[in-house]
Amino acid sequence: SVCRSYRDALSELPQRALGNETKSQGCL
């Protein structure tokens, strides 16, 4: 369940999520 939730969270994550998110364009 934890691993599935991780996959779902990745699907909604912006690019460069650990960097400058203001420059992100779209999701992974």
mmCIF file of all heavy atoms, coordinates in Angstrom:
data_MODEL
# 
_entry.id   MODEL 
# 
loop_
_atom_site.group_PDB 
_atom_site.id 
_atom_site.type_symbol 
_atom_site.label_atom_id 
_atom_site.label_alt_id 
_atom_site.label_comp_id 
_atom_site.label_asym_id 
_atom_site.label_entity_id 
_atom_site.label_seq_id 
_atom_site.pdbx_PDB_ins_code 
_atom_site.Cartn_x 
_atom_site.Cartn_y 
_atom_site.Cartn_z 
_atom_site.occupancy 
_atom_site.B_iso_or_equiv 
_atom_site.pdbx_formal_charge 
_atom_site.auth_seq_id 
_atom_site.auth_comp_id 
_atom_site.auth_asym_id 
_atom_site.auth_atom_id 
_atom_site.pdbx_PDB_model_num 
ATOM 1   N N   . SER A 1 1  ? 0.820  -1.203 0.000   1.00 0.00 ? 1  SER A N   1 
ATOM 2   C CA  . SER A 1 1  ? 0.000  0.000  0.000   1.00 0.00 ? 1  SER A CA  1 
ATOM 3   C C   . SER A 1 1  ? 0.855  1.255  0.000   1.00 0.00 ? 1  SER A C   1 
ATOM 4   O O   . SER A 1 1  ? 0.564  2.228  -0.718  1.00 0.00 ? 1  SER A O   1 
ATOM 5   C CB  . SER A 1 1  ? -0.931 -0.006 1.212   1.00 0.00 ? 1  SER A CB  1 
ATOM 6   O OG  . SER A 1 1  ? -1.680 1.179  1.273   1.00 0.00 ? 1  SER A OG  1 
ATOM 7   N N   . VAL A 1 2  ? 1.920  1.257  0.796   1.00 0.00 ? 2  VAL A N   1 
ATOM 8   C CA  . VAL A 1 2  ? 2.828  2.407  0.844   1.00 0.00 ? 2  VAL A CA  1 
ATOM 9   C C   . VAL A 1 2  ? 3.481  2.629  -0.512  1.00 0.00 ? 2  VAL A C   1 
ATOM 10  O O   . VAL A 1 2  ? 3.592  3.770  -0.998  1.00 0.00 ? 2  VAL A O   1 
ATOM 11  C CB  . VAL A 1 2  ? 3.896  2.197  1.930   1.00 0.00 ? 2  VAL A CB  1 
ATOM 12  C CG1 . VAL A 1 2  ? 5.027  3.210  1.791   1.00 0.00 ? 2  VAL A CG1 1 
ATOM 13  C CG2 . VAL A 1 2  ? 3.265  2.297  3.312   1.00 0.00 ? 2  VAL A CG2 1 
ATOM 14  N N   . CYS A 1 3  ? 3.907  1.555  -1.153  1.00 0.00 ? 3  CYS A N   1 
ATOM 15  C CA  . CYS A 1 3  ? 4.578  1.675  -2.454  1.00 0.00 ? 3  CYS A CA  1 
ATOM 16  C C   . CYS A 1 3  ? 3.608  2.149  -3.541  1.00 0.00 ? 3  CYS A C   1 
ATOM 17  O O   . CYS A 1 3  ? 3.983  2.930  -4.422  1.00 0.00 ? 3  CYS A O   1 
ATOM 18  C CB  . CYS A 1 3  ? 5.208  0.337  -2.840  1.00 0.00 ? 3  CYS A CB  1 
ATOM 19  S SG  . CYS A 1 3  ? 6.569  -0.160 -1.754  1.00 0.00 ? 3  CYS A SG  1 
ATOM 20  N N   . ARG A 1 4  ? 2.366  1.686  -3.480  1.00 0.00 ? 4  ARG A N   1 
ATOM 21  C CA  . ARG A 1 4  ? 1.361  2.168  -4.440  1.00 0.00 ? 4  ARG A CA  1 
ATOM 22  C C   . ARG A 1 4  ? 1.090  3.658  -4.238  1.00 0.00 ? 4  ARG A C   1 
ATOM 23  O O   . ARG A 1 4  ? 0.955  4.417  -5.202  1.00 0.00 ? 4  ARG A O   1 
ATOM 24  C CB  . ARG A 1 4  ? 0.066  1.376  -4.280  1.00 0.00 ? 4  ARG A CB  1 
ATOM 25  C CG  . ARG A 1 4  ? 0.103  -0.039 -4.836  1.00 0.00 ? 4  ARG A CG  1 
ATOM 26  C CD  . ARG A 1 4  ? -1.269 -0.688 -4.762  1.00 0.00 ? 4  ARG A CD  1 
ATOM 27  N NE  . ARG A 1 4  ? -1.251 -2.066 -5.215  1.00 0.00 ? 4  ARG A NE  1 
ATOM 28  C CZ  . ARG A 1 4  ? -1.332 -2.432 -6.492  1.00 0.00 ? 4  ARG A CZ  1 
ATOM 29  N NH1 . ARG A 1 4  ? -1.435 -1.500 -7.427  1.00 0.00 ? 4  ARG A NH1 1 
ATOM 30  N NH2 . ARG A 1 4  ? -1.314 -3.710 -6.820  1.00 0.00 ? 4  ARG A NH2 1 
ATOM 31  N N   . SER A 1 5  ? 0.998  4.058  -2.984  1.00 0.00 ? 5  SER A N   1 
ATOM 32  C CA  . SER A 1 5  ? 0.771  5.471  -2.685  1.00 0.00 ? 5  SER A CA  1 
ATOM 33  C C   . SER A 1 5  ? 1.941  6.328  -3.180  1.00 0.00 ? 5  SER A C   1 
ATOM 34  O O   . SER A 1 5  ? 1.740  7.457  -3.644  1.00 0.00 ? 5  SER A O   1 
ATOM 35  C CB  . SER A 1 5  ? 0.565  5.671  -1.180  1.00 0.00 ? 5  SER A CB  1 
ATOM 36  O OG  . SER A 1 5  ? -0.576 4.977  -0.729  1.00 0.00 ? 5  SER A OG  1 
ATOM 37  N N   . TYR A 1 6  ? 3.159  5.783  -3.075  1.00 0.00 ? 6  TYR A N   1 
ATOM 38  C CA  . TYR A 1 6  ? 4.342  6.489  -3.576  1.00 0.00 ? 6  TYR A CA  1 
ATOM 39  C C   . TYR A 1 6  ? 4.236  6.677  -5.089  1.00 0.00 ? 6  TYR A C   1 
ATOM 40  O O   . TYR A 1 6  ? 4.502  7.767  -5.607  1.00 0.00 ? 6  TYR A O   1 
ATOM 41  C CB  . TYR A 1 6  ? 5.592  5.696  -3.210  1.00 0.00 ? 6  TYR A CB  1 
ATOM 42  C CG  . TYR A 1 6  ? 6.879  6.250  -3.767  1.00 0.00 ? 6  TYR A CG  1 
ATOM 43  C CD1 . TYR A 1 6  ? 7.254  7.566  -3.547  1.00 0.00 ? 6  TYR A CD1 1 
ATOM 44  C CD2 . TYR A 1 6  ? 7.742  5.433  -4.513  1.00 0.00 ? 6  TYR A CD2 1 
ATOM 45  C CE1 . TYR A 1 6  ? 8.448  8.072  -4.045  1.00 0.00 ? 6  TYR A CE1 1 
ATOM 46  C CE2 . TYR A 1 6  ? 8.939  5.930  -5.012  1.00 0.00 ? 6  TYR A CE2 1 
ATOM 47  C CZ  . TYR A 1 6  ? 9.276  7.252  -4.779  1.00 0.00 ? 6  TYR A CZ  1 
ATOM 48  O OH  . TYR A 1 6  ? 10.452 7.750  -5.285  1.00 0.00 ? 6  TYR A OH  1 
ATOM 49  N N   . ARG A 1 7  ? 3.827  5.629  -5.788  1.00 0.00 ? 7  ARG A N   1 
ATOM 50  C CA  . ARG A 1 7  ? 3.654  5.754  -7.244  1.00 0.00 ? 7  ARG A CA  1 
ATOM 51  C C   . ARG A 1 7  ? 2.608  6.807  -7.584  1.00 0.00 ? 7  ARG A C   1 
ATOM 52  O O   . ARG A 1 7  ? 2.812  7.629  -8.494  1.00 0.00 ? 7  ARG A O   1 
ATOM 53  C CB  . ARG A 1 7  ? 3.245  4.410  -7.839  1.00 0.00 ? 7  ARG A CB  1 
ATOM 54  C CG  . ARG A 1 7  ? 3.108  4.430  -9.357  1.00 0.00 ? 7  ARG A CG  1 
ATOM 55  C CD  . ARG A 1 7  ? 2.615  3.104  -9.895  1.00 0.00 ? 7  ARG A CD  1 
ATOM 56  N NE  . ARG A 1 7  ? 1.267  2.787  -9.407  1.00 0.00 ? 7  ARG A NE  1 
ATOM 57  C CZ  . ARG A 1 7  ? 0.612  1.681  -9.732  1.00 0.00 ? 7  ARG A CZ  1 
ATOM 58  N NH1 . ARG A 1 7  ? 1.168  0.784  -10.517 1.00 0.00 ? 7  ARG A NH1 1 
ATOM 59  N NH2 . ARG A 1 7  ? -0.604 1.466  -9.248  1.00 0.00 ? 7  ARG A NH2 1 
ATOM 60  N N   . ASP A 1 8  ? 1.494  6.830  -6.854  1.00 0.00 ? 8  ASP A N   1 
ATOM 61  C CA  . ASP A 1 8  ? 0.448  7.815  -7.112  1.00 0.00 ? 8  ASP A CA  1 
ATOM 62  C C   . ASP A 1 8  ? 0.943  9.233  -6.827  1.00 0.00 ? 8  ASP A C   1 
ATOM 63  O O   . ASP A 1 8  ? 0.621  10.176 -7.561  1.00 0.00 ? 8  ASP A O   1 
ATOM 64  C CB  . ASP A 1 8  ? -0.783 7.510  -6.258  1.00 0.00 ? 8  ASP A CB  1 
ATOM 65  C CG  . ASP A 1 8  ? -1.430 6.181  -6.628  1.00 0.00 ? 8  ASP A CG  1 
ATOM 66  O OD1 . ASP A 1 8  ? -1.162 5.695  -7.752  1.00 0.00 ? 8  ASP A OD1 1 
ATOM 67  O OD2 . ASP A 1 8  ? -2.171 5.625  -5.798  1.00 0.00 ? 8  ASP A OD2 1 
ATOM 68  N N   . ALA A 1 9  ? 1.729  9.390  -5.762  1.00 0.00 ? 9  ALA A N   1 
ATOM 69  C CA  . ALA A 1 9  ? 2.256  10.710 -5.427  1.00 0.00 ? 9  ALA A CA  1 
ATOM 70  C C   . ALA A 1 9  ? 3.232  11.204 -6.493  1.00 0.00 ? 9  ALA A C   1 
ATOM 71  O O   . ALA A 1 9  ? 3.253  12.395 -6.834  1.00 0.00 ? 9  ALA A O   1 
ATOM 72  C CB  . ALA A 1 9  ? 2.943  10.664 -4.063  1.00 0.00 ? 9  ALA A CB  1 
ATOM 73  N N   . LEU A 1 10 ? 4.036  10.294 -7.043  1.00 0.00 ? 10 LEU A N   1 
ATOM 74  C CA  . LEU A 1 10 ? 4.957  10.661 -8.118  1.00 0.00 ? 10 LEU A CA  1 
ATOM 75  C C   . LEU A 1 10 ? 4.193  11.169 -9.334  1.00 0.00 ? 10 LEU A C   1 
ATOM 76  O O   . LEU A 1 10 ? 4.646  12.088 -10.031 1.00 0.00 ? 10 LEU A O   1 
ATOM 77  C CB  . LEU A 1 10 ? 5.820  9.462  -8.507  1.00 0.00 ? 10 LEU A CB  1 
ATOM 78  C CG  . LEU A 1 10 ? 6.925  9.051  -7.542  1.00 0.00 ? 10 LEU A CG  1 
ATOM 79  C CD1 . LEU A 1 10 ? 7.539  7.714  -7.975  1.00 0.00 ? 10 LEU A CD1 1 
ATOM 80  C CD2 . LEU A 1 10 ? 8.018  10.117 -7.469  1.00 0.00 ? 10 LEU A CD2 1 
ATOM 81  N N   . SER A 1 11 ? 3.026  10.594 -9.601  1.00 0.00 ? 11 SER A N   1 
ATOM 82  C CA  . SER A 1 11 ? 2.239  10.970 -10.775 1.00 0.00 ? 11 SER A CA  1 
ATOM 83  C C   . SER A 1 11 ? 1.731  12.406 -10.674 1.00 0.00 ? 11 SER A C   1 
ATOM 84  O O   . SER A 1 11 ? 1.455  13.042 -11.698 1.00 0.00 ? 11 SER A O   1 
ATOM 85  C CB  . SER A 1 11 ? 1.045  10.018 -10.939 1.00 0.00 ? 11 SER A CB  1 
ATOM 86  O OG  . SER A 1 11 ? 1.486  8.681  -11.088 1.00 0.00 ? 11 SER A OG  1 
ATOM 87  N N   . GLU A 1 12 ? 1.607  12.922 -9.462  1.00 0.00 ? 12 GLU A N   1 
ATOM 88  C CA  . GLU A 1 12 ? 1.110  14.279 -9.270  1.00 0.00 ? 12 GLU A CA  1 
ATOM 89  C C   . GLU A 1 12 ? 2.220  15.268 -8.949  1.00 0.00 ? 12 GLU A C   1 
ATOM 90  O O   . GLU A 1 12 ? 1.965  16.448 -8.706  1.00 0.00 ? 12 GLU A O   1 
ATOM 91  C CB  . GLU A 1 12 ? 0.089  14.286 -8.123  1.00 0.00 ? 12 GLU A CB  1 
ATOM 92  C CG  . GLU A 1 12 ? -1.111 13.373 -8.380  1.00 0.00 ? 12 GLU A CG  1 
ATOM 93  C CD  . GLU A 1 12 ? -2.031 13.287 -7.183  1.00 0.00 ? 12 GLU A CD  1 
ATOM 94  O OE1 . GLU A 1 12 ? -1.708 13.938 -6.158  1.00 0.00 ? 12 GLU A OE1 1 
ATOM 95  O OE2 . GLU A 1 12 ? -3.057 12.590 -7.263  1.00 0.00 ? 12 GLU A OE2 1 
ATOM 96  N N   . LEU A 1 13 ? 3.449  14.786 -8.960  1.00 0.00 ? 13 LEU A N   1 
ATOM 97  C CA  . LEU A 1 13 ? 4.579  15.613 -8.529  1.00 0.00 ? 13 LEU A CA  1 
ATOM 98  C C   . LEU A 1 13 ? 5.067  16.505 -9.672  1.00 0.00 ? 13 LEU A C   1 
ATOM 99  O O   . LEU A 1 13 ? 5.188  16.047 -10.808 1.00 0.00 ? 13 LEU A O   1 
ATOM 100 C CB  . LEU A 1 13 ? 5.722  14.708 -8.066  1.00 0.00 ? 13 LEU A CB  1 
ATOM 101 C CG  . LEU A 1 13 ? 6.811  15.337 -7.209  1.00 0.00 ? 13 LEU A CG  1 
ATOM 102 C CD1 . LEU A 1 13 ? 6.263  15.706 -5.847  1.00 0.00 ? 13 LEU A CD1 1 
ATOM 103 C CD2 . LEU A 1 13 ? 7.979  14.374 -7.066  1.00 0.00 ? 13 LEU A CD2 1 
ATOM 104 N N   . PRO A 1 14 ? 5.373  17.788 -9.391  1.00 0.00 ? 14 PRO A N   1 
ATOM 105 C CA  . PRO A 1 14 ? 5.946  18.649 -10.434 1.00 0.00 ? 14 PRO A CA  1 
ATOM 106 C C   . PRO A 1 14 ? 7.397  18.293 -10.708 1.00 0.00 ? 14 PRO A C   1 
ATOM 107 O O   . PRO A 1 14 ? 8.068  17.678 -9.873  1.00 0.00 ? 14 PRO A O   1 
ATOM 108 C CB  . PRO A 1 14 ? 5.833  20.050 -9.831  1.00 0.00 ? 14 PRO A CB  1 
ATOM 109 C CG  . PRO A 1 14 ? 5.869  19.826 -8.358  1.00 0.00 ? 14 PRO A CG  1 
ATOM 110 C CD  . PRO A 1 14 ? 5.155  18.516 -8.127  1.00 0.00 ? 14 PRO A CD  1 
ATOM 111 N N   . GLN A 1 15 ? 7.874  18.671 -11.856 1.00 0.00 ? 15 GLN A N   1 
ATOM 112 C CA  . GLN A 1 15 ? 9.281  18.446 -12.184 1.00 0.00 ? 15 GLN A CA  1 
ATOM 113 C C   . GLN A 1 15 ? 10.157 19.252 -11.231 1.00 0.00 ? 15 GLN A C   1 
ATOM 114 O O   . GLN A 1 15 ? 9.769  20.293 -10.724 1.00 0.00 ? 15 GLN A O   1 
ATOM 115 C CB  . GLN A 1 15 ? 9.562  18.873 -13.633 1.00 0.00 ? 15 GLN A CB  1 
ATOM 116 C CG  . GLN A 1 15 ? 8.778  18.084 -14.668 1.00 0.00 ? 15 GLN A CG  1 
ATOM 117 C CD  . GLN A 1 15 ? 8.909  18.683 -16.047 1.00 0.00 ? 15 GLN A CD  1 
ATOM 118 O OE1 . GLN A 1 15 ? 9.799  19.469 -16.311 1.00 0.00 ? 15 GLN A OE1 1 
ATOM 119 N NE2 . GLN A 1 15 ? 7.997  18.318 -16.932 1.00 0.00 ? 15 GLN A NE2 1 
ATOM 120 N N   . ARG A 1 16 ? 11.377 18.736 -10.998 1.00 0.00 ? 16 ARG A N   1 
ATOM 121 C CA  . ARG A 1 16 ? 12.342 19.366 -10.089 1.00 0.00 ? 16 ARG A CA  1 
ATOM 122 C C   . ARG A 1 16 ? 11.721 19.641 -8.726  1.00 0.00 ? 16 ARG A C   1 
ATOM 123 O O   . ARG A 1 16 ? 11.838 20.733 -8.168  1.00 0.00 ? 16 ARG A O   1 
ATOM 124 C CB  . ARG A 1 16 ? 12.902 20.652 -10.704 1.00 0.00 ? 16 ARG A CB  1 
ATOM 125 C CG  . ARG A 1 16 ? 13.705 20.437 -11.972 1.00 0.00 ? 16 ARG A CG  1 
ATOM 126 C CD  . ARG A 1 16 ? 14.304 21.724 -12.472 1.00 0.00 ? 16 ARG A CD  1 
ATOM 127 N NE  . ARG A 1 16 ? 13.283 22.645 -12.946 1.00 0.00 ? 16 ARG A NE  1 
ATOM 128 C CZ  . ARG A 1 16 ? 12.782 22.640 -14.168 1.00 0.00 ? 16 ARG A CZ  1 
ATOM 129 N NH1 . ARG A 1 16 ? 13.207 21.768 -15.050 1.00 0.00 ? 16 ARG A NH1 1 
ATOM 130 N NH2 . ARG A 1 16 ? 11.865 23.514 -14.518 1.00 0.00 ? 16 ARG A NH2 1 
ATOM 131 N N   . ALA A 1 17 ? 11.042 18.638 -8.179  1.00 0.00 ? 17 ALA A N   1 
ATOM 132 C CA  . ALA A 1 17 ? 10.312 18.815 -6.921  1.00 0.00 ? 17 ALA A CA  1 
ATOM 133 C C   . ALA A 1 17 ? 11.235 19.111 -5.752  1.00 0.00 ? 17 ALA A C   1 
ATOM 134 O O   . ALA A 1 17 ? 10.805 19.688 -4.754  1.00 0.00 ? 17 ALA A O   1 
ATOM 135 C CB  . ALA A 1 17 ? 9.487  17.569 -6.623  1.00 0.00 ? 17 ALA A CB  1 
ATOM 136 N N   . LEU A 1 18 ? 12.492 18.734 -5.829  1.00 0.00 ? 18 LEU A N   1 
ATOM 137 C CA  . LEU A 1 18 ? 13.433 19.014 -4.741  1.00 0.00 ? 18 LEU A CA  1 
ATOM 138 C C   . LEU A 1 18 ? 14.282 20.240 -5.026  1.00 0.00 ? 18 LEU A C   1 
ATOM 139 O O   . LEU A 1 18 ? 15.195 20.555 -4.288  1.00 0.00 ? 18 LEU A O   1 
ATOM 140 C CB  . LEU A 1 18 ? 14.346 17.808 -4.504  1.00 0.00 ? 18 LEU A CB  1 
ATOM 141 C CG  . LEU A 1 18 ? 13.649 16.535 -4.013  1.00 0.00 ? 18 LEU A CG  1 
ATOM 142 C CD1 . LEU A 1 18 ? 14.667 15.433 -3.797  1.00 0.00 ? 18 LEU A CD1 1 
ATOM 143 C CD2 . LEU A 1 18 ? 12.865 16.791 -2.750  1.00 0.00 ? 18 LEU A CD2 1 
ATOM 144 N N   . GLY A 1 19 ? 13.964 20.920 -6.136  1.00 0.00 ? 19 GLY A N   1 
ATOM 145 C CA  . GLY A 1 19 ? 14.703 22.127 -6.494  1.00 0.00 ? 19 GLY A CA  1 
ATOM 146 C C   . GLY A 1 19 ? 13.793 23.336 -6.446  1.00 0.00 ? 19 GLY A C   1 
ATOM 147 O O   . GLY A 1 19 ? 12.988 23.500 -5.542  1.00 0.00 ? 19 GLY A O   1 
ATOM 148 N N   . ASN A 1 20 ? 13.899 24.172 -7.491  1.00 0.00 ? 20 ASN A N   1 
ATOM 149 C CA  . ASN A 1 20 ? 13.091 25.388 -7.567  1.00 0.00 ? 20 ASN A CA  1 
ATOM 150 C C   . ASN A 1 20 ? 11.783 25.073 -8.256  1.00 0.00 ? 20 ASN A C   1 
ATOM 151 O O   . ASN A 1 20 ? 11.703 25.011 -9.477  1.00 0.00 ? 20 ASN A O   1 
ATOM 152 C CB  . ASN A 1 20 ? 13.854 26.468 -8.348  1.00 0.00 ? 20 ASN A CB  1 
ATOM 153 C CG  . ASN A 1 20 ? 13.141 27.806 -8.283  1.00 0.00 ? 20 ASN A CG  1 
ATOM 154 O OD1 . ASN A 1 20 ? 11.979 27.893 -7.899  1.00 0.00 ? 20 ASN A OD1 1 
ATOM 155 N ND2 . ASN A 1 20 ? 13.852 28.859 -8.659  1.00 0.00 ? 20 ASN A ND2 1 
ATOM 156 N N   . GLU A 1 21 ? 10.730 24.876 -7.487  1.00 0.00 ? 21 GLU A N   1 
ATOM 157 C CA  . GLU A 1 21 ? 9.456  24.446 -8.050  1.00 0.00 ? 21 GLU A CA  1 
ATOM 158 C C   . GLU A 1 21 ? 8.783  25.546 -8.855  1.00 0.00 ? 21 GLU A C   1 
ATOM 159 O O   . GLU A 1 21 ? 7.869  25.280 -9.624  1.00 0.00 ? 21 GLU A O   1 
ATOM 160 C CB  . GLU A 1 21 ? 8.529  23.953 -6.935  1.00 0.00 ? 21 GLU A CB  1 
ATOM 161 C CG  . GLU A 1 21 ? 9.079  22.728 -6.212  1.00 0.00 ? 21 GLU A CG  1 
ATOM 162 C CD  . GLU A 1 21 ? 8.091  22.150 -5.217  1.00 0.00 ? 21 GLU A CD  1 
ATOM 163 O OE1 . GLU A 1 21 ? 6.892  22.449 -5.346  1.00 0.00 ? 21 GLU A OE1 1 
ATOM 164 O OE2 . GLU A 1 21 ? 8.519  21.417 -4.321  1.00 0.00 ? 21 GLU A OE2 1 
ATOM 165 N N   . THR A 1 22 ? 9.216  26.797 -8.673  1.00 0.00 ? 22 THR A N   1 
ATOM 166 C CA  . THR A 1 22 ? 8.590  27.878 -9.436  1.00 0.00 ? 22 THR A CA  1 
ATOM 167 C C   . THR A 1 22 ? 8.903  27.766 -10.913 1.00 0.00 ? 22 THR A C   1 
ATOM 168 O O   . THR A 1 22 ? 8.200  28.320 -11.741 1.00 0.00 ? 22 THR A O   1 
ATOM 169 C CB  . THR A 1 22 ? 9.086  29.243 -8.931  1.00 0.00 ? 22 THR A CB  1 
ATOM 170 O OG1 . THR A 1 22 ? 10.517 29.327 -9.109  1.00 0.00 ? 22 THR A OG1 1 
ATOM 171 C CG2 . THR A 1 22 ? 8.756  29.417 -7.456  1.00 0.00 ? 22 THR A CG2 1 
ATOM 172 N N   . LYS A 1 23 ? 9.958  27.036 -11.259 1.00 0.00 ? 23 LYS A N   1 
ATOM 173 C CA  . LYS A 1 23 ? 10.332 26.858 -12.654 1.00 0.00 ? 23 LYS A CA  1 
ATOM 174 C C   . LYS A 1 23 ? 9.780  25.570 -13.243 1.00 0.00 ? 23 LYS A C   1 
ATOM 175 O O   . LYS A 1 23 ? 10.031 25.259 -14.397 1.00 0.00 ? 23 LYS A O   1 
ATOM 176 C CB  . LYS A 1 23 ? 11.863 26.859 -12.797 1.00 0.00 ? 23 LYS A CB  1 
ATOM 177 C CG  . LYS A 1 23 ? 12.518 28.176 -12.436 1.00 0.00 ? 23 LYS A CG  1 
ATOM 178 C CD  . LYS A 1 23 ? 14.019 28.104 -12.687 1.00 0.00 ? 23 LYS A CD  1 
ATOM 179 C CE  . LYS A 1 23 ? 14.694 29.430 -12.341 1.00 0.00 ? 23 LYS A CE  1 
ATOM 180 N NZ  . LYS A 1 23 ? 16.158 29.373 -12.585 1.00 0.00 ? 23 LYS A NZ  1 
ATOM 181 N N   . SER A 1 24 ? 9.053  24.814 -12.451 1.00 0.00 ? 24 SER A N   1 
ATOM 182 C CA  . SER A 1 24 ? 8.541  23.528 -12.913 1.00 0.00 ? 24 SER A CA  1 
ATOM 183 C C   . SER A 1 24 ? 7.477  23.719 -13.980 1.00 0.00 ? 24 SER A C   1 
ATOM 184 O O   . SER A 1 24 ? 6.674  24.651 -13.928 1.00 0.00 ? 24 SER A O   1 
ATOM 185 C CB  . SER A 1 24 ? 7.947  22.746 -11.748 1.00 0.00 ? 24 SER A CB  1 
ATOM 186 O OG  . SER A 1 24 ? 8.938  22.467 -10.788 1.00 0.00 ? 24 SER A OG  1 
ATOM 187 N N   . GLN A 1 25 ? 7.470  22.850 -14.949 1.00 0.00 ? 25 GLN A N   1 
ATOM 188 C CA  . GLN A 1 25 ? 6.487  22.880 -16.023 1.00 0.00 ? 25 GLN A CA  1 
ATOM 189 C C   . GLN A 1 25 ? 5.918  21.474 -16.174 1.00 0.00 ? 25 GLN A C   1 
ATOM 190 O O   . GLN A 1 25 ? 6.562  20.608 -16.727 1.00 0.00 ? 25 GLN A O   1 
ATOM 191 C CB  . GLN A 1 25 ? 7.110  23.356 -17.335 1.00 0.00 ? 25 GLN A CB  1 
ATOM 192 C CG  . GLN A 1 25 ? 7.663  24.771 -17.268 1.00 0.00 ? 25 GLN A CG  1 
ATOM 193 C CD  . GLN A 1 25 ? 8.318  25.170 -18.573 1.00 0.00 ? 25 GLN A CD  1 
ATOM 194 O OE1 . GLN A 1 25 ? 8.405  24.380 -19.497 1.00 0.00 ? 25 GLN A OE1 1 
ATOM 195 N NE2 . GLN A 1 25 ? 8.759  26.400 -18.652 1.00 0.00 ? 25 GLN A NE2 1 
ATOM 196 N N   . GLY A 1 26 ? 4.703  21.273 -15.675 1.00 0.00 ? 26 GLY A N   1 
ATOM 197 C CA  . GLY A 1 26 ? 4.087  19.972 -15.815 1.00 0.00 ? 26 GLY A CA  1 
ATOM 198 C C   . GLY A 1 26 ? 4.558  18.982 -14.771 1.00 0.00 ? 26 GLY A C   1 
ATOM 199 O O   . GLY A 1 26 ? 5.376  19.279 -13.900 1.00 0.00 ? 26 GLY A O   1 
ATOM 200 N N   . CYS A 1 27 ? 4.011  17.771 -14.870 1.00 0.00 ? 27 CYS A N   1 
ATOM 201 C CA  . CYS A 1 27 ? 4.335  16.704 -13.925 1.00 0.00 ? 27 CYS A CA  1 
ATOM 202 C C   . CYS A 1 27 ? 5.394  15.773 -14.504 1.00 0.00 ? 27 CYS A C   1 
ATOM 203 O O   . CYS A 1 27 ? 5.794  15.901 -15.658 1.00 0.00 ? 27 CYS A O   1 
ATOM 204 C CB  . CYS A 1 27 ? 3.062  15.921 -13.599 1.00 0.00 ? 27 CYS A CB  1 
ATOM 205 S SG  . CYS A 1 27 ? 1.808  16.912 -12.745 1.00 0.00 ? 27 CYS A SG  1 
ATOM 206 N N   . LEU A 1 28 ? 5.834  14.844 -13.672 1.00 0.00 ? 28 LEU A N   1 
ATOM 207 C CA  . LEU A 1 28 ? 6.835  13.881 -14.109 1.00 0.00 ? 28 LEU A CA  1 
ATOM 208 C C   . LEU A 1 28 ? 6.263  12.999 -15.211 1.00 0.00 ? 28 LEU A C   1 
ATOM 209 O O   . LEU A 1 28 ? 5.088  12.632 -15.182 1.00 0.00 ? 28 LEU A O   1 
ATOM 210 C CB  . LEU A 1 28 ? 7.283  13.013 -12.935 1.00 0.00 ? 28 LEU A CB  1 
ATOM 211 C CG  . LEU A 1 28 ? 7.936  13.719 -11.746 1.00 0.00 ? 28 LEU A CG  1 
ATOM 212 C CD1 . LEU A 1 28 ? 8.319  12.695 -10.690 1.00 0.00 ? 28 LEU A CD1 1 
ATOM 213 C CD2 . LEU A 1 28 ? 9.147  14.512 -12.173 1.00 0.00 ? 28 LEU A CD2 1 
# 
